[in-house]
Amino acid sequence: MTATVHHLAGRLTAALATMQEALALSQLSGWRHSEAFVLGNLGACCSTWAITPPPTSTTLRRMHCATSWGSRGEAVALDTLGLVALHRQEPAAAQDLLTRAQAIHEQIGNRRGLAYTLTHLGYALTAAGDLTGAASAFGQALAIRDKLQPHSGPAVDAIAGLAQVALADDRPAEAYRGVIAALTWMESHNPNQVEYPVQVCLICVEIAQALGRRFADTPALAQRPRPGLRAADAAGCPNR
């Protein structure tokens, strides 16, 4: 819990140190479920800040999720490893891992997990240059979100992804509408409800800059995203 508070507050060093301490205690006590849980939070933290956790941590995460949580845990582990591969700029490996996670979610009927994985897959396909596949993955994720919980925070990640695809596909008006939709949601809700708020902010800023717009032209850009950008700078986020 303490590590999560540090994470949400943007204190990356403190969050990682606390997670590593919790991980060591879990391993010392032999509490495998706790170890899997801590490794999951470690993977999420590293994915949020676009850094790569130690290989041993990712390997342990997959093993312990698989043994502690069965098929659902295996899918979560594959998803996290896919995100790590994506941040290592290995889109092909990320696509493979995320596609395998997608198949498991579909097999066991885990719609919520499927929505997360499809969003992550959309980003991997975007990085690989498959804009059609990326748009399809983001669209499927949004369709699931609309049925589970309309206008939820995690849907914003997919909206930003579609805006990124639109920009790459030379559809600037659609890209800008996506930016406005994402930032309007974050302006009227708690940004921490978005899965990766810093990444969403960075995408929106990159699109706005690409379209020749300044911060002052978009009120939402001048408000909540800016602390996220400062945190991303402090963490040395390579996506900037």
C-alpha atoms as a PDB file:
ATOM      1  CA  MET A   1       0.000   0.000   0.000  1.00  0.00           C
ATOM      2  CA  THR A   2       2.824   2.414   0.868  1.00  0.00           C
ATOM      3  CA  ALA A   3       4.507   1.696  -2.454  1.00  0.00           C
ATOM      4  CA  THR A   4       1.257   2.369  -4.300  1.00  0.00           C
ATOM      5  CA  VAL A   5       0.920   5.747  -2.567  1.00  0.00           C
ATOM      6  CA  HIS A   6       4.481   6.637  -3.621  1.00  0.00           C
ATOM      7  CA  HIS A   7       3.712   5.461  -7.158  1.00  0.00           C
ATOM      8  CA  LEU A   8       0.560   7.546  -7.518  1.00  0.00           C
ATOM      9  CA  ALA A   9       2.303  10.574  -6.011  1.00  0.00           C
ATOM     10  CA  GLY A  10       5.050  10.369  -8.619  1.00  0.00           C
ATOM     11  CA  ARG A  11       7.785   9.318  -6.168  1.00  0.00           C
ATOM     12  CA  LEU A  12       9.341   6.671  -8.413  1.00  0.00           C
ATOM     13  CA  THR A  13      12.488   5.962  -6.395  1.00  0.00           C
ATOM     14  CA  ALA A  14      10.550   5.535  -3.154  1.00  0.00           C
ATOM     15  CA  ALA A  15       7.945   3.337  -4.862  1.00  0.00           C
ATOM     16  CA  LEU A  16      10.542   1.000  -6.361  1.00  0.00           C
ATOM     17  CA  ALA A  17      12.490   0.766  -3.095  1.00  0.00           C
ATOM     18  CA  THR A  18       9.354  -0.071  -1.094  1.00  0.00           C
ATOM     19  CA  MET A  19       8.265  -2.695  -3.655  1.00  0.00           C
ATOM     20  CA  GLN A  20      11.686  -4.324  -3.598  1.00  0.00           C
ATOM     21  CA  GLU A  21      11.513  -4.483   0.209  1.00  0.00           C
ATOM     22  CA  ALA A  22       8.043  -6.037   0.089  1.00  0.00           C
ATOM     23  CA  LEU A  23       9.249  -8.494  -2.545  1.00  0.00           C
ATOM     24  CA  ALA A  24      12.171  -9.578  -0.364  1.00  0.00           C
ATOM     25  CA  LEU A  25       9.880 -10.130   2.623  1.00  0.00           C
ATOM     26  CA  SER A  26       7.442 -12.150   0.536  1.00  0.00           C
ATOM     27  CA  GLN A  27      10.240 -14.355  -0.782  1.00  0.00           C
ATOM     28  CA  LEU A  28      11.718 -14.772   2.699  1.00  0.00           C
ATOM     29  CA  SER A  29       8.376 -15.902   4.109  1.00  0.00           C
ATOM     30  CA  GLY A  30       7.634 -18.143   1.129  1.00  0.00           C
ATOM     31  CA  TRP A  31       4.273 -16.450   0.548  1.00  0.00           C
ATOM     32  CA  ARG A  32       3.970 -17.034  -3.188  1.00  0.00           C
ATOM     33  CA  HIS A  33       0.649 -15.242  -3.660  1.00  0.00           C
ATOM     34  CA  SER A  34       2.051 -12.125  -1.994  1.00  0.00           C
ATOM     35  CA  GLU A  35       5.158 -12.340  -4.151  1.00  0.00           C
ATOM     36  CA  ALA A  36       3.052 -12.519  -7.287  1.00  0.00           C
ATOM     37  CA  PHE A  37       1.018  -9.512  -6.134  1.00  0.00           C
ATOM     38  CA  VAL A  38       4.120  -7.421  -5.402  1.00  0.00           C
ATOM     39  CA  LEU A  39       5.689  -8.394  -8.724  1.00  0.00           C
ATOM     40  CA  GLY A  40       2.502  -7.308 -10.444  1.00  0.00           C
ATOM     41  CA  ASN A  41       2.691  -3.886  -8.831  1.00  0.00           C
ATOM     42  CA  LEU A  42       6.384  -3.674  -9.698  1.00  0.00           C
ATOM     43  CA  GLY A  43       5.622  -4.454 -13.318  1.00  0.00           C
ATOM     44  CA  ALA A  44       2.820  -1.867 -13.390  1.00  0.00           C
ATOM     45  CA  CYS A  45       5.090   0.781 -11.880  1.00  0.00           C
ATOM     46  CA  CYS A  46       7.846   0.080 -14.388  1.00  0.00           C
ATOM     47  CA  SER A  47       5.372   0.137 -17.265  1.00  0.00           C
ATOM     48  CA  THR A  48       3.895   3.451 -16.098  1.00  0.00           C
ATOM     49  CA  TRP A  49       7.299   5.132 -16.058  1.00  0.00           C
ATOM     50  CA  ALA A  50       8.568   3.344 -19.171  1.00  0.00           C
ATOM     51  CA  ILE A  51      11.492   1.656 -17.432  1.00  0.00           C
ATOM     52  CA  THR A  52      12.509  -1.981 -17.588  1.00  0.00           C
ATOM     53  CA  PRO A  53      12.460  -4.048 -14.390  1.00  0.00           C
ATOM     54  CA  PRO A  54      15.269  -6.576 -13.769  1.00  0.00           C
ATOM     55  CA  PRO A  55      14.862  -9.722 -15.930  1.00  0.00           C
ATOM     56  CA  THR A  56      14.667 -11.879 -12.795  1.00  0.00           C
ATOM     57  CA  SER A  57      11.646  -9.917 -11.619  1.00  0.00           C
ATOM     58  CA  THR A  58       9.762 -10.389 -14.887  1.00  0.00           C
ATOM     59  CA  THR A  59      10.587 -14.101 -14.947  1.00  0.00           C
ATOM     60  CA  LEU A  60       9.443 -14.543 -11.358  1.00  0.00           C
ATOM     61  CA  ARG A  61       6.293 -12.574 -12.080  1.00  0.00           C
ATOM     62  CA  ARG A  62       5.270 -14.902 -14.855  1.00  0.00           C
ATOM     63  CA  MET A  63       6.069 -18.036 -12.836  1.00  0.00           C
ATOM     64  CA  HIS A  64       4.298 -16.960  -9.674  1.00  0.00           C
ATOM     65  CA  CYS A  65       1.254 -15.531 -11.386  1.00  0.00           C
ATOM     66  CA  ALA A  66       0.864 -18.781 -13.300  1.00  0.00           C
ATOM     67  CA  THR A  67       1.167 -20.945 -10.188  1.00  0.00           C
ATOM     68  CA  SER A  68      -0.810 -18.729  -7.829  1.00  0.00           C
ATOM     69  CA  TRP A  69      -3.637 -17.529 -10.061  1.00  0.00           C
ATOM     70  CA  GLY A  70      -3.941 -20.171 -12.776  1.00  0.00           C
ATOM     71  CA  SER A  71      -4.905 -19.152 -16.324  1.00  0.00           C
ATOM     72  CA  ARG A  72      -5.940 -15.650 -15.333  1.00  0.00           C
ATOM     73  CA  GLY A  73      -2.561 -15.086 -13.691  1.00  0.00           C
ATOM     74  CA  GLU A  74      -0.735 -16.482 -16.704  1.00  0.00           C
ATOM     75  CA  ALA A  75      -2.580 -14.015 -18.929  1.00  0.00           C
ATOM     76  CA  VAL A  76      -1.706 -11.115 -16.604  1.00  0.00           C
ATOM     77  CA  ALA A  77       1.933 -12.220 -16.564  1.00  0.00           C
ATOM     78  CA  LEU A  78       2.109 -12.461 -20.353  1.00  0.00           C
ATOM     79  CA  ASP A  79       0.483  -9.032 -20.599  1.00  0.00           C
ATOM     80  CA  THR A  80       3.065  -7.491 -18.260  1.00  0.00           C
ATOM     81  CA  LEU A  81       5.937  -9.135 -20.117  1.00  0.00           C
ATOM     82  CA  GLY A  82       4.446  -7.767 -23.320  1.00  0.00           C
ATOM     83  CA  LEU A  83       4.526  -4.251 -21.877  1.00  0.00           C
ATOM     84  CA  VAL A  84       8.139  -4.733 -20.824  1.00  0.00           C
ATOM     85  CA  ALA A  85       9.028  -5.842 -24.367  1.00  0.00           C
ATOM     86  CA  LEU A  86       7.211  -2.811 -25.765  1.00  0.00           C
ATOM     87  CA  HIS A  87       9.186  -0.438 -23.532  1.00  0.00           C
ATOM     88  CA  ARG A  88      12.342  -2.198 -24.651  1.00  0.00           C
ATOM     89  CA  GLN A  89      11.305  -1.220 -28.166  1.00  0.00           C
ATOM     90  CA  GLU A  90      10.696  -4.832 -29.178  1.00  0.00           C
ATOM     91  CA  PRO A  91       7.214  -4.539 -30.757  1.00  0.00           C
ATOM     92  CA  ALA A  92       7.292  -7.975 -32.386  1.00  0.00           C
ATOM     93  CA  ALA A  93       8.011  -9.701 -29.064  1.00  0.00           C
ATOM     94  CA  ALA A  94       5.405  -7.523 -27.367  1.00  0.00           C
ATOM     95  CA  GLN A  95       2.802  -8.433 -29.983  1.00  0.00           C
ATOM     96  CA  ASP A  96       3.499 -12.147 -29.518  1.00  0.00           C
ATOM     97  CA  LEU A  97       3.192 -12.001 -25.723  1.00  0.00           C
ATOM     98  CA  LEU A  98       0.085  -9.833 -25.791  1.00  0.00           C
ATOM     99  CA  THR A  99      -1.603 -11.995 -28.422  1.00  0.00           C
ATOM    100  CA  ARG A 100      -1.037 -15.025 -26.203  1.00  0.00           C
ATOM    101  CA  ALA A 101      -2.504 -13.136 -23.247  1.00  0.00           C
ATOM    102  CA  GLN A 102      -5.481 -12.154 -25.406  1.00  0.00           C
ATOM    103  CA  ALA A 103      -6.155 -15.792 -26.300  1.00  0.00           C
ATOM    104  CA  ILE A 104      -6.191 -16.817 -22.639  1.00  0.00           C
ATOM    105  CA  HIS A 105      -8.520 -13.983 -21.624  1.00  0.00           C
ATOM    106  CA  GLU A 106     -10.897 -14.948 -24.426  1.00  0.00           C
ATOM    107  CA  GLN A 107     -10.754 -18.626 -23.484  1.00  0.00           C
ATOM    108  CA  ILE A 108     -11.653 -18.039 -19.823  1.00  0.00           C
ATOM    109  CA  GLY A 109     -14.116 -15.221 -20.539  1.00  0.00           C
ATOM    110  CA  ASN A 110     -12.196 -12.524 -18.685  1.00  0.00           C
ATOM    111  CA  ARG A 111     -13.612  -9.483 -20.488  1.00  0.00           C
ATOM    112  CA  ARG A 112     -12.058  -6.918 -18.186  1.00  0.00           C
ATOM    113  CA  GLY A 113      -8.588  -8.388 -18.597  1.00  0.00           C
ATOM    114  CA  LEU A 114      -9.173  -8.678 -22.326  1.00  0.00           C
ATOM    115  CA  ALA A 115      -9.899  -4.949 -22.574  1.00  0.00           C
ATOM    116  CA  TYR A 116      -6.605  -4.120 -20.898  1.00  0.00           C
ATOM    117  CA  THR A 117      -4.638  -6.513 -23.102  1.00  0.00           C
ATOM    118  CA  LEU A 118      -6.284  -5.275 -26.309  1.00  0.00           C
ATOM    119  CA  THR A 119      -5.330  -1.714 -25.399  1.00  0.00           C
ATOM    120  CA  HIS A 120      -1.726  -2.763 -24.781  1.00  0.00           C
ATOM    121  CA  LEU A 121      -1.758  -4.742 -28.025  1.00  0.00           C
ATOM    122  CA  GLY A 122      -2.948  -1.638 -29.844  1.00  0.00           C
ATOM    123  CA  TYR A 123       0.123   0.244 -28.676  1.00  0.00           C
ATOM    124  CA  ALA A 124       2.390  -2.641 -29.718  1.00  0.00           C
ATOM    125  CA  LEU A 125       0.821  -2.748 -33.183  1.00  0.00           C
ATOM    126  CA  THR A 126       1.167   1.025 -33.489  1.00  0.00           C
ATOM    127  CA  ALA A 127       4.870   0.722 -32.678  1.00  0.00           C
ATOM    128  CA  ALA A 128       5.150  -2.015 -35.313  1.00  0.00           C
ATOM    129  CA  GLY A 129       3.498   0.212 -37.933  1.00  0.00           C
ATOM    130  CA  ASP A 130       0.333  -1.897 -38.217  1.00  0.00           C
ATOM    131  CA  LEU A 131      -2.149   0.965 -37.970  1.00  0.00           C
ATOM    132  CA  THR A 132      -5.127  -1.092 -39.154  1.00  0.00           C
ATOM    133  CA  GLY A 133      -4.478  -3.764 -36.544  1.00  0.00           C
ATOM    134  CA  ALA A 134      -3.900  -1.145 -33.857  1.00  0.00           C
ATOM    135  CA  ALA A 135      -7.165   0.639 -34.637  1.00  0.00           C
ATOM    136  CA  SER A 136      -8.993  -2.681 -34.470  1.00  0.00           C
ATOM    137  CA  ALA A 137      -7.464  -3.586 -31.096  1.00  0.00           C
ATOM    138  CA  PHE A 138      -8.247  -0.174 -29.595  1.00  0.00           C
ATOM    139  CA  GLY A 139     -11.755  -0.289 -31.016  1.00  0.00           C
ATOM    140  CA  GLN A 140     -12.429  -3.733 -29.534  1.00  0.00           C
ATOM    141  CA  ALA A 141     -11.122  -2.555 -26.162  1.00  0.00           C
ATOM    142  CA  LEU A 142     -13.461   0.446 -26.201  1.00  0.00           C
ATOM    143  CA  ALA A 143     -16.424  -1.717 -27.190  1.00  0.00           C
ATOM    144  CA  ILE A 144     -15.789  -3.976 -24.196  1.00  0.00           C
ATOM    145  CA  ARG A 145     -15.360  -0.982 -21.887  1.00  0.00           C
ATOM    146  CA  ASP A 146     -18.661   0.483 -23.072  1.00  0.00           C
ATOM    147  CA  LYS A 147     -20.440  -2.721 -22.075  1.00  0.00           C
ATOM    148  CA  LEU A 148     -18.647  -3.213 -18.750  1.00  0.00           C
ATOM    149  CA  GLN A 149     -18.500   0.389 -17.531  1.00  0.00           C
ATOM    150  CA  PRO A 150     -19.163   3.249 -19.951  1.00  0.00           C
ATOM    151  CA  HIS A 151     -16.874   6.276 -19.743  1.00  0.00           C
ATOM    152  CA  SER A 152     -14.410   4.536 -17.427  1.00  0.00           C
ATOM    153  CA  GLY A 153     -10.854   5.745 -16.865  1.00  0.00           C
ATOM    154  CA  PRO A 154      -9.064   2.869 -18.642  1.00  0.00           C
ATOM    155  CA  ALA A 155     -11.023   3.692 -21.810  1.00  0.00           C
ATOM    156  CA  VAL A 156      -9.007   6.911 -22.036  1.00  0.00           C
ATOM    157  CA  ASP A 157      -5.853   4.914 -22.751  1.00  0.00           C
ATOM    158  CA  ALA A 158      -7.548   3.411 -25.815  1.00  0.00           C
ATOM    159  CA  ILE A 159      -8.917   6.799 -26.895  1.00  0.00           C
ATOM    160  CA  ALA A 160      -5.406   8.254 -26.785  1.00  0.00           C
ATOM    161  CA  GLY A 161      -4.143   5.239 -28.719  1.00  0.00           C
ATOM    162  CA  LEU A 162      -6.710   5.796 -31.454  1.00  0.00           C
ATOM    163  CA  ALA A 163      -5.701   9.464 -31.621  1.00  0.00           C
ATOM    164  CA  GLN A 164      -2.085   8.394 -32.071  1.00  0.00           C
ATOM    165  CA  VAL A 165      -3.107   6.023 -34.863  1.00  0.00           C
ATOM    166  CA  ALA A 166      -5.147   8.768 -36.540  1.00  0.00           C
ATOM    167  CA  LEU A 167      -2.161  11.122 -36.517  1.00  0.00           C
ATOM    168  CA  ALA A 168       0.124   8.465 -38.012  1.00  0.00           C
ATOM    169  CA  ASP A 169      -2.551   7.719 -40.627  1.00  0.00           C
ATOM    170  CA  ASP A 170      -2.723  11.396 -41.653  1.00  0.00           C
ATOM    171  CA  ARG A 171      -6.135  12.068 -40.124  1.00  0.00           C
ATOM    172  CA  PRO A 172      -5.294  15.177 -38.077  1.00  0.00           C
ATOM    173  CA  ALA A 173      -8.868  16.255 -37.312  1.00  0.00           C
ATOM    174  CA  GLU A 174      -9.682  12.854 -35.846  1.00  0.00           C
ATOM    175  CA  ALA A 175      -6.409  12.864 -33.886  1.00  0.00           C
ATOM    176  CA  TYR A 176      -7.240  16.260 -32.395  1.00  0.00           C
ATOM    177  CA  ARG A 177     -10.757  15.146 -31.439  1.00  0.00           C
ATOM    178  CA  GLY A 178      -9.199  12.206 -29.613  1.00  0.00           C
ATOM    179  CA  VAL A 179      -6.879  14.530 -27.717  1.00  0.00           C
ATOM    180  CA  ILE A 180      -9.798  16.727 -26.657  1.00  0.00           C
ATOM    181  CA  ALA A 181     -11.838  13.689 -25.580  1.00  0.00           C
ATOM    182  CA  ALA A 182      -8.982  12.241 -23.512  1.00  0.00           C
ATOM    183  CA  LEU A 183      -8.035  15.500 -21.819  1.00  0.00           C
ATOM    184  CA  THR A 184     -11.636  16.542 -21.212  1.00  0.00           C
ATOM    185  CA  TRP A 185     -12.160  13.271 -19.337  1.00  0.00           C
ATOM    186  CA  MET A 186      -8.988  13.787 -17.281  1.00  0.00           C
ATOM    187  CA  GLU A 187      -9.987  17.368 -16.527  1.00  0.00           C
ATOM    188  CA  SER A 188     -13.315  16.324 -15.026  1.00  0.00           C
ATOM    189  CA  HIS A 189     -12.208  13.088 -13.298  1.00  0.00           C
ATOM    190  CA  ASN A 190      -9.342  11.781 -11.215  1.00  0.00           C
ATOM    191  CA  PRO A 191      -6.489  11.136 -13.718  1.00  0.00           C
ATOM    192  CA  ASN A 192      -5.299   8.222 -11.565  1.00  0.00           C
ATOM    193  CA  GLN A 193      -8.321   6.276 -12.817  1.00  0.00           C
ATOM    194  CA  VAL A 194      -6.594   6.152 -16.206  1.00  0.00           C
ATOM    195  CA  GLU A 195      -4.268   3.151 -16.454  1.00  0.00           C
ATOM    196  CA  TYR A 196      -1.243   5.117 -17.678  1.00  0.00           C
ATOM    197  CA  PRO A 197      -2.047   8.834 -17.245  1.00  0.00           C
ATOM    198  CA  VAL A 198       1.515  10.005 -17.917  1.00  0.00           C
ATOM    199  CA  GLN A 199       1.614   8.125 -21.206  1.00  0.00           C
ATOM    200  CA  VAL A 200      -1.767   9.558 -22.211  1.00  0.00           C
ATOM    201  CA  CYS A 201      -0.531  13.078 -21.431  1.00  0.00           C
ATOM    202  CA  LEU A 202       2.617  12.550 -23.466  1.00  0.00           C
ATOM    203  CA  ILE A 203       0.643  11.265 -26.451  1.00  0.00           C
ATOM    204  CA  CYS A 204      -1.717  14.231 -26.274  1.00  0.00           C
ATOM    205  CA  VAL A 205       1.141  16.717 -26.074  1.00  0.00           C
ATOM    206  CA  GLU A 206       2.974  15.071 -28.965  1.00  0.00           C
ATOM    207  CA  ILE A 207      -0.168  15.227 -31.106  1.00  0.00           C
ATOM    208  CA  ALA A 208      -0.842  18.846 -30.173  1.00  0.00           C
ATOM    209  CA  GLN A 209       2.735  19.777 -30.989  1.00  0.00           C
ATOM    210  CA  ALA A 210       2.585  17.889 -34.262  1.00  0.00           C
ATOM    211  CA  LEU A 211      -0.530  19.815 -35.203  1.00  0.00           C
ATOM    212  CA  GLY A 212       1.150  23.098 -34.396  1.00  0.00           C
ATOM    213  CA  ARG A 213      -0.927  23.899 -31.327  1.00  0.00           C
ATOM    214  CA  ARG A 214       0.444  25.382 -28.113  1.00  0.00           C
ATOM    215  CA  PHE A 215      -0.561  24.613 -24.538  1.00  0.00           C
ATOM    216  CA  ALA A 216      -2.536  27.825 -24.245  1.00  0.00           C
ATOM    217  CA  ASP A 217      -4.765  26.840 -27.169  1.00  0.00           C
ATOM    218  CA  THR A 218      -6.134  23.853 -25.255  1.00  0.00           C
ATOM    219  CA  PRO A 219      -7.211  24.678 -21.655  1.00  0.00           C
ATOM    220  CA  ALA A 220      -7.177  21.019 -20.625  1.00  0.00           C
ATOM    221  CA  LEU A 221      -3.530  20.725 -21.674  1.00  0.00           C
ATOM    222  CA  ALA A 222      -2.608  23.583 -19.355  1.00  0.00           C
ATOM    223  CA  GLN A 223      -4.137  21.972 -16.276  1.00  0.00           C
ATOM    224  CA  ARG A 224      -3.753  18.468 -14.865  1.00  0.00           C
ATOM    225  CA  PRO A 225      -1.458  16.898 -17.446  1.00  0.00           C
ATOM    226  CA  ARG A 226       1.389  19.273 -16.604  1.00  0.00           C
ATOM    227  CA  PRO A 227       2.262  17.698 -13.205  1.00  0.00           C
ATOM    228  CA  GLY A 228       2.308  14.365 -15.001  1.00  0.00           C
ATOM    229  CA  LEU A 229       4.742  15.765 -17.540  1.00  0.00           C
ATOM    230  CA  ARG A 230       7.015  17.058 -14.788  1.00  0.00           C
ATOM    231  CA  ALA A 231       6.942  13.632 -13.173  1.00  0.00           C
ATOM    232  CA  ALA A 232       7.749  12.006 -16.496  1.00  0.00           C
ATOM    233  CA  ASP A 233      10.721  14.342 -16.934  1.00  0.00           C
ATOM    234  CA  ALA A 234      11.937  13.514 -13.438  1.00  0.00           C
ATOM    235  CA  ALA A 235      11.704   9.813 -14.198  1.00  0.00           C
ATOM    236  CA  GLY A 236      13.581  10.237 -17.475  1.00  0.00           C
ATOM    237  CA  CYS A 237      10.653   8.856 -19.465  1.00  0.00           C
ATOM    238  CA  PRO A 238      12.039   8.002 -22.949  1.00  0.00           C
ATOM    239  CA  ASN A 239       8.646   8.524 -24.590  1.00  0.00           C
ATOM    240  CA  ARG A 240       8.980  12.298 -24.195  1.00  0.00           C
END
